[in-house]
Amino acid sequence: MKNITITLDEETARWARIEAAKRDTSVSRLVGEMLRERREKESERRAALERYMARPRVALKDADSGYPSREQLYDRPVLR
């Protein structure tokens, strides 16, 4: 574990102390957990974007027939 020093405004520090008490943990551990969760979510978001961008491109508009119909896009029948 690495120790760091952070500076908080009074209102944020008060919130952090109350939130840590609710979770029966320290402010230090609360901040560490919040940062870890943020890092993991960002990593997951980046991985999802990379997977999406790696997919082959598909043209929506056919040169002869124009744009596909709603049914073709969603592969389901139209409810009328």
C-alpha atoms as a PDB file:
ATOM      1  CA  MET A   1       0.000   0.000   0.000  1.00  0.00           C
ATOM      2  CA  LYS A   2       1.113   3.535  -0.774  1.00  0.00           C
ATOM      3  CA  ASN A   3       0.250   6.443   1.512  1.00  0.00           C
ATOM      4  CA  ILE A   4      -0.685   9.779  -0.056  1.00  0.00           C
ATOM      5  CA  THR A   5      -1.935  13.087   1.285  1.00  0.00           C
ATOM      6  CA  ILE A   6      -5.026  14.727  -0.167  1.00  0.00           C
ATOM      7  CA  THR A   7      -6.630  18.094   0.466  1.00  0.00           C
ATOM      8  CA  LEU A   8     -10.415  18.373   0.727  1.00  0.00           C
ATOM      9  CA  ASP A   9     -12.725  21.280   1.298  1.00  0.00           C
ATOM     10  CA  GLU A  10     -14.496  21.150   4.673  1.00  0.00           C
ATOM     11  CA  GLU A  11     -17.869  20.035   3.296  1.00  0.00           C
ATOM     12  CA  THR A  12     -16.327  17.162   1.309  1.00  0.00           C
ATOM     13  CA  ALA A  13     -14.206  16.091   4.276  1.00  0.00           C
ATOM     14  CA  ARG A  14     -17.313  16.038   6.493  1.00  0.00           C
ATOM     15  CA  TRP A  15     -19.190  13.957   3.927  1.00  0.00           C
ATOM     16  CA  ALA A  16     -16.260  11.539   3.658  1.00  0.00           C
ATOM     17  CA  ARG A  17     -16.090  11.079   7.440  1.00  0.00           C
ATOM     18  CA  ILE A  18     -19.837  10.411   7.653  1.00  0.00           C
ATOM     19  CA  GLU A  19     -19.791   8.039   4.672  1.00  0.00           C
ATOM     20  CA  ALA A  20     -16.802   6.152   6.078  1.00  0.00           C
ATOM     21  CA  ALA A  21     -18.563   5.811   9.434  1.00  0.00           C
ATOM     22  CA  LYS A  22     -21.698   4.462   7.704  1.00  0.00           C
ATOM     23  CA  ARG A  23     -19.545   1.822   6.020  1.00  0.00           C
ATOM     24  CA  ASP A  24     -17.575   1.132   9.209  1.00  0.00           C
ATOM     25  CA  THR A  25     -14.271   1.976   7.537  1.00  0.00           C
ATOM     26  CA  SER A  26     -11.693   4.761   7.523  1.00  0.00           C
ATOM     27  CA  VAL A  27     -11.727   7.783   5.245  1.00  0.00           C
ATOM     28  CA  SER A  28      -8.459   6.563   3.776  1.00  0.00           C
ATOM     29  CA  ARG A  29      -9.929   3.158   2.901  1.00  0.00           C
ATOM     30  CA  LEU A  30     -13.129   4.797   1.565  1.00  0.00           C
ATOM     31  CA  VAL A  31     -11.162   7.040  -0.783  1.00  0.00           C
ATOM     32  CA  GLY A  32      -8.965   4.130  -1.847  1.00  0.00           C
ATOM     33  CA  GLU A  33     -12.001   1.966  -2.643  1.00  0.00           C
ATOM     34  CA  MET A  34     -13.672   4.798  -4.578  1.00  0.00           C
ATOM     35  CA  LEU A  35     -10.553   5.371  -6.664  1.00  0.00           C
ATOM     36  CA  ARG A  36     -10.127   1.640  -7.318  1.00  0.00           C
ATOM     37  CA  GLU A  37     -13.763   1.355  -8.453  1.00  0.00           C
ATOM     38  CA  ARG A  38     -13.306   4.376 -10.731  1.00  0.00           C
ATOM     39  CA  ARG A  39     -10.139   2.877 -12.224  1.00  0.00           C
ATOM     40  CA  GLU A  40     -11.850  -0.484 -12.834  1.00  0.00           C
ATOM     41  CA  LYS A  41     -14.888   1.139 -14.482  1.00  0.00           C
ATOM     42  CA  GLU A  42     -12.634   3.235 -16.711  1.00  0.00           C
ATOM     43  CA  SER A  43     -10.653   0.134 -17.654  1.00  0.00           C
ATOM     44  CA  GLU A  44     -13.867  -1.764 -18.482  1.00  0.00           C
ATOM     45  CA  ARG A  45     -15.152   1.175 -20.542  1.00  0.00           C
ATOM     46  CA  ARG A  46     -11.897   1.399 -22.468  1.00  0.00           C
ATOM     47  CA  ALA A  47     -11.879  -2.367 -23.130  1.00  0.00           C
ATOM     48  CA  ALA A  48     -15.493  -2.238 -24.370  1.00  0.00           C
ATOM     49  CA  LEU A  49     -14.642   0.648 -26.695  1.00  0.00           C
ATOM     50  CA  GLU A  50     -11.631  -1.228 -28.057  1.00  0.00           C
ATOM     51  CA  ARG A  51     -13.784  -4.343 -28.669  1.00  0.00           C
ATOM     52  CA  TYR A  52     -16.378  -2.225 -30.435  1.00  0.00           C
ATOM     53  CA  MET A  53     -13.808  -0.425 -32.590  1.00  0.00           C
ATOM     54  CA  ALA A  54     -12.175  -3.764 -33.527  1.00  0.00           C
ATOM     55  CA  ARG A  55     -15.411  -5.062 -35.062  1.00  0.00           C
ATOM     56  CA  PRO A  56     -15.592  -5.013 -38.840  1.00  0.00           C
ATOM     57  CA  ARG A  57     -17.410  -2.026 -40.301  1.00  0.00           C
ATOM     58  CA  VAL A  58     -20.789  -2.703 -41.869  1.00  0.00           C
ATOM     59  CA  ALA A  59     -22.349  -0.338 -44.377  1.00  0.00           C
ATOM     60  CA  LEU A  60     -25.930   0.546 -43.481  1.00  0.00           C
ATOM     61  CA  LYS A  61     -26.770   1.867 -46.913  1.00  0.00           C
ATOM     62  CA  ASP A  62     -26.723  -0.502 -49.875  1.00  0.00           C
ATOM     63  CA  ALA A  63     -25.791   1.273 -53.106  1.00  0.00           C
ATOM     64  CA  ASP A  64     -28.793  -0.201 -54.963  1.00  0.00           C
ATOM     65  CA  SER A  65     -31.571  -0.452 -52.392  1.00  0.00           C
ATOM     66  CA  GLY A  66     -30.851   2.412 -49.993  1.00  0.00           C
ATOM     67  CA  TYR A  67     -31.097   2.146 -46.236  1.00  0.00           C
ATOM     68  CA  PRO A  68     -32.335  -1.080 -44.630  1.00  0.00           C
ATOM     69  CA  SER A  69     -35.837  -1.269 -43.190  1.00  0.00           C
ATOM     70  CA  ARG A  70     -36.509  -1.292 -39.476  1.00  0.00           C
ATOM     71  CA  GLU A  71     -37.299  -5.018 -39.665  1.00  0.00           C
ATOM     72  CA  GLN A  72     -33.978  -5.737 -41.330  1.00  0.00           C
ATOM     73  CA  LEU A  73     -32.078  -3.717 -38.754  1.00  0.00           C
ATOM     74  CA  TYR A  74     -33.711  -5.346 -35.756  1.00  0.00           C
ATOM     75  CA  ASP A  75     -34.453  -8.709 -37.364  1.00  0.00           C
ATOM     76  CA  ARG A  76     -38.039  -8.771 -36.138  1.00  0.00           C
ATOM     77  CA  PRO A  77     -41.475  -8.404 -37.734  1.00  0.00           C
ATOM     78  CA  VAL A  78     -43.388  -5.135 -37.723  1.00  0.00           C
ATOM     79  CA  LEU A  79     -46.286  -5.066 -35.271  1.00  0.00           C
ATOM     80  CA  ARG A  80     -49.352  -3.467 -36.844  1.00  0.00           C
END
